[in-house]
C-alpha atoms as a PDB file:
ATOM      1  CA  MET A   1      43.068  -5.196   3.883  1.00  0.00           C
ATOM      2  CA  VAL A   2      40.269  -7.446   5.133  1.00  0.00           C
ATOM      3  CA  ARG A   3      42.113 -10.440   3.694  1.00  0.00           C
ATOM      4  CA  GLN A   4      45.287  -9.292   5.442  1.00  0.00           C
ATOM      5  CA  TRP A   5      43.528  -9.084   8.800  1.00  0.00           C
ATOM      6  CA  GLN A   6      42.123 -12.566   8.262  1.00  0.00           C
ATOM      7  CA  GLU A   7      45.607 -13.814   7.437  1.00  0.00           C
ATOM      8  CA  MET A   8      47.430 -12.183  10.345  1.00  0.00           C
ATOM      9  CA  LEU A   9      44.855 -12.163  13.120  1.00  0.00           C
ATOM     10  CA  TYR A  10      42.689 -15.195  12.368  1.00  0.00           C
ATOM     11  CA  ASN A  11      45.192 -17.827  11.168  1.00  0.00           C
ATOM     12  CA  ARG A  12      44.215 -17.468   7.490  1.00  0.00           C
ATOM     13  CA  ARG A  13      40.581 -18.299   8.148  1.00  0.00           C
ATOM     14  CA  TYR A  14      39.379 -16.444   5.089  1.00  0.00           C
ATOM     15  CA  SER A  15      35.733 -15.508   4.930  1.00  0.00           C
ATOM     16  CA  HIS A  16      34.246 -13.525   2.060  1.00  0.00           C
ATOM     17  CA  SER A  17      37.407 -11.699   1.054  1.00  0.00           C
ATOM     18  CA  GLU A  18      37.753 -13.118  -2.477  1.00  0.00           C
ATOM     19  CA  LEU A  19      37.580 -10.094  -4.761  1.00  0.00           C
ATOM     20  CA  ALA A  20      36.572 -10.142  -8.408  1.00  0.00           C
ATOM     21  CA  ASN A  21      37.354  -6.756  -9.903  1.00  0.00           C
ATOM     22  CA  PRO A  22      36.106  -5.366 -13.190  1.00  0.00           C
ATOM     23  CA  ASP A  23      38.503  -4.554 -16.027  1.00  0.00           C
ATOM     24  CA  PHE A  24      39.428  -1.081 -14.790  1.00  0.00           C
ATOM     25  CA  VAL A  25      41.193  -0.156 -18.049  1.00  0.00           C
ATOM     26  CA  LYS A  26      38.032  -0.798 -20.092  1.00  0.00           C
ATOM     27  CA  LEU A  27      35.928   0.949 -17.474  1.00  0.00           C
ATOM     28  CA  ALA A  28      38.134   4.058 -17.677  1.00  0.00           C
ATOM     29  CA  GLU A  29      37.978   4.014 -21.459  1.00  0.00           C
ATOM     30  CA  ALA A  30      34.182   3.661 -21.374  1.00  0.00           C
ATOM     31  CA  TYR A  31      34.078   7.002 -19.534  1.00  0.00           C
ATOM     32  CA  GLY A  32      36.508   8.728 -21.908  1.00  0.00           C
ATOM     33  CA  ALA A  33      39.545   8.422 -19.647  1.00  0.00           C
ATOM     34  CA  GLU A  34      42.833   6.669 -20.300  1.00  0.00           C
ATOM     35  CA  GLY A  35      43.379   3.381 -18.523  1.00  0.00           C
ATOM     36  CA  TYR A  36      46.664   1.657 -17.758  1.00  0.00           C
ATOM     37  CA  ARG A  37      47.349  -1.719 -16.163  1.00  0.00           C
ATOM     38  CA  ILE A  38      50.733  -2.012 -14.454  1.00  0.00           C
ATOM     39  CA  THR A  39      51.947  -5.542 -13.714  1.00  0.00           C
ATOM     40  CA  LYS A  40      55.735  -5.037 -13.369  1.00  0.00           C
ATOM     41  CA  LYS A  41      57.934  -2.475 -11.610  1.00  0.00           C
ATOM     42  CA  ASP A  42      59.580  -1.391 -14.853  1.00  0.00           C
ATOM     43  CA  GLU A  43      56.185  -0.309 -16.229  1.00  0.00           C
ATOM     44  CA  VAL A  44      55.587   2.262 -13.465  1.00  0.00           C
ATOM     45  CA  ALA A  45      57.821   5.103 -14.722  1.00  0.00           C
ATOM     46  CA  PRO A  46      56.581   5.038 -18.357  1.00  0.00           C
ATOM     47  CA  VAL A  47      52.945   4.910 -17.255  1.00  0.00           C
ATOM     48  CA  LEU A  48      53.426   7.771 -14.798  1.00  0.00           C
ATOM     49  CA  GLN A  49      55.079   9.817 -17.564  1.00  0.00           C
ATOM     50  CA  ALA A  50      52.188   9.078 -19.939  1.00  0.00           C
ATOM     51  CA  ALA A  51      49.676  10.027 -17.220  1.00  0.00           C
ATOM     52  CA  ILE A  52      51.445  13.325 -16.539  1.00  0.00           C
ATOM     53  CA  GLN A  53      51.425  14.193 -20.245  1.00  0.00           C
ATOM     54  CA  SER A  54      47.803  13.153 -20.800  1.00  0.00           C
ATOM     55  CA  ARG A  55      45.116  15.754 -21.265  1.00  0.00           C
ATOM     56  CA  LYS A  56      42.452  13.273 -20.125  1.00  0.00           C
ATOM     57  CA  PRO A  57      41.652  11.774 -16.737  1.00  0.00           C
ATOM     58  CA  VAL A  58      43.834   8.727 -16.097  1.00  0.00           C
ATOM     59  CA  LEU A  59      43.145   5.553 -14.140  1.00  0.00           C
ATOM     60  CA  MET A  60      46.094   3.303 -13.231  1.00  0.00           C
ATOM     61  CA  ASP A  61      45.406  -0.298 -12.203  1.00  0.00           C
ATOM     62  CA  PHE A  62      48.395  -1.638 -10.240  1.00  0.00           C
ATOM     63  CA  VAL A  63      48.164  -5.445 -10.230  1.00  0.00           C
ATOM     64  CA  ILE A  64      49.759  -7.021  -7.154  1.00  0.00           C
ATOM     65  CA  GLU A  65      50.077 -10.545  -5.813  1.00  0.00           C
ATOM     66  CA  ARG A  66      46.964 -11.886  -4.092  1.00  0.00           C
ATOM     67  CA  GLU A  67      48.877 -12.371  -0.807  1.00  0.00           C
ATOM     68  CA  GLU A  68      50.612  -8.956  -0.884  1.00  0.00           C
ATOM     69  CA  ASN A  69      50.106  -7.110   2.392  1.00  0.00           C
ATOM     70  CA  VAL A  70      49.554  -3.441   3.116  1.00  0.00           C
ATOM     71  CA  LEU A  71      52.295  -1.952   5.295  1.00  0.00           C
ATOM     72  CA  PRO A  72      52.478  -0.603   7.867  1.00  0.00           C
ATOM     73  CA  PHE A  73      49.946  -2.988   9.362  1.00  0.00           C
ATOM     74  CA  VAL A  74      47.942  -1.453  12.200  1.00  0.00           C
ATOM     75  CA  PRO A  75      46.010  -4.063  14.178  1.00  0.00           C
ATOM     76  CA  PRO A  76      42.708  -3.097  15.784  1.00  0.00           C
ATOM     77  CA  ALA A  77      42.752  -1.659  19.278  1.00  0.00           C
ATOM     78  CA  ARG A  78      42.231  -4.245  21.979  1.00  0.00           C
ATOM     79  CA  ARG A  79      39.729  -3.244  24.644  1.00  0.00           C
END
């Protein structure tokens, strides 16, 4: 969301919002959980079904476009 604020409120003047995430699937598996990476819409339903049927904790990593925004967008209050 920080990146989104920088995009919308500060004319895309990005500062320190480049994220480098770990491999969440491997991290989940390292702790004995099941990990799933979802990159397309048609993968959501099968992964949700597998998660529901699992007897282990499940972590789902939903990969989205770098410029995808969170909606609804609520700008900060102006004082």
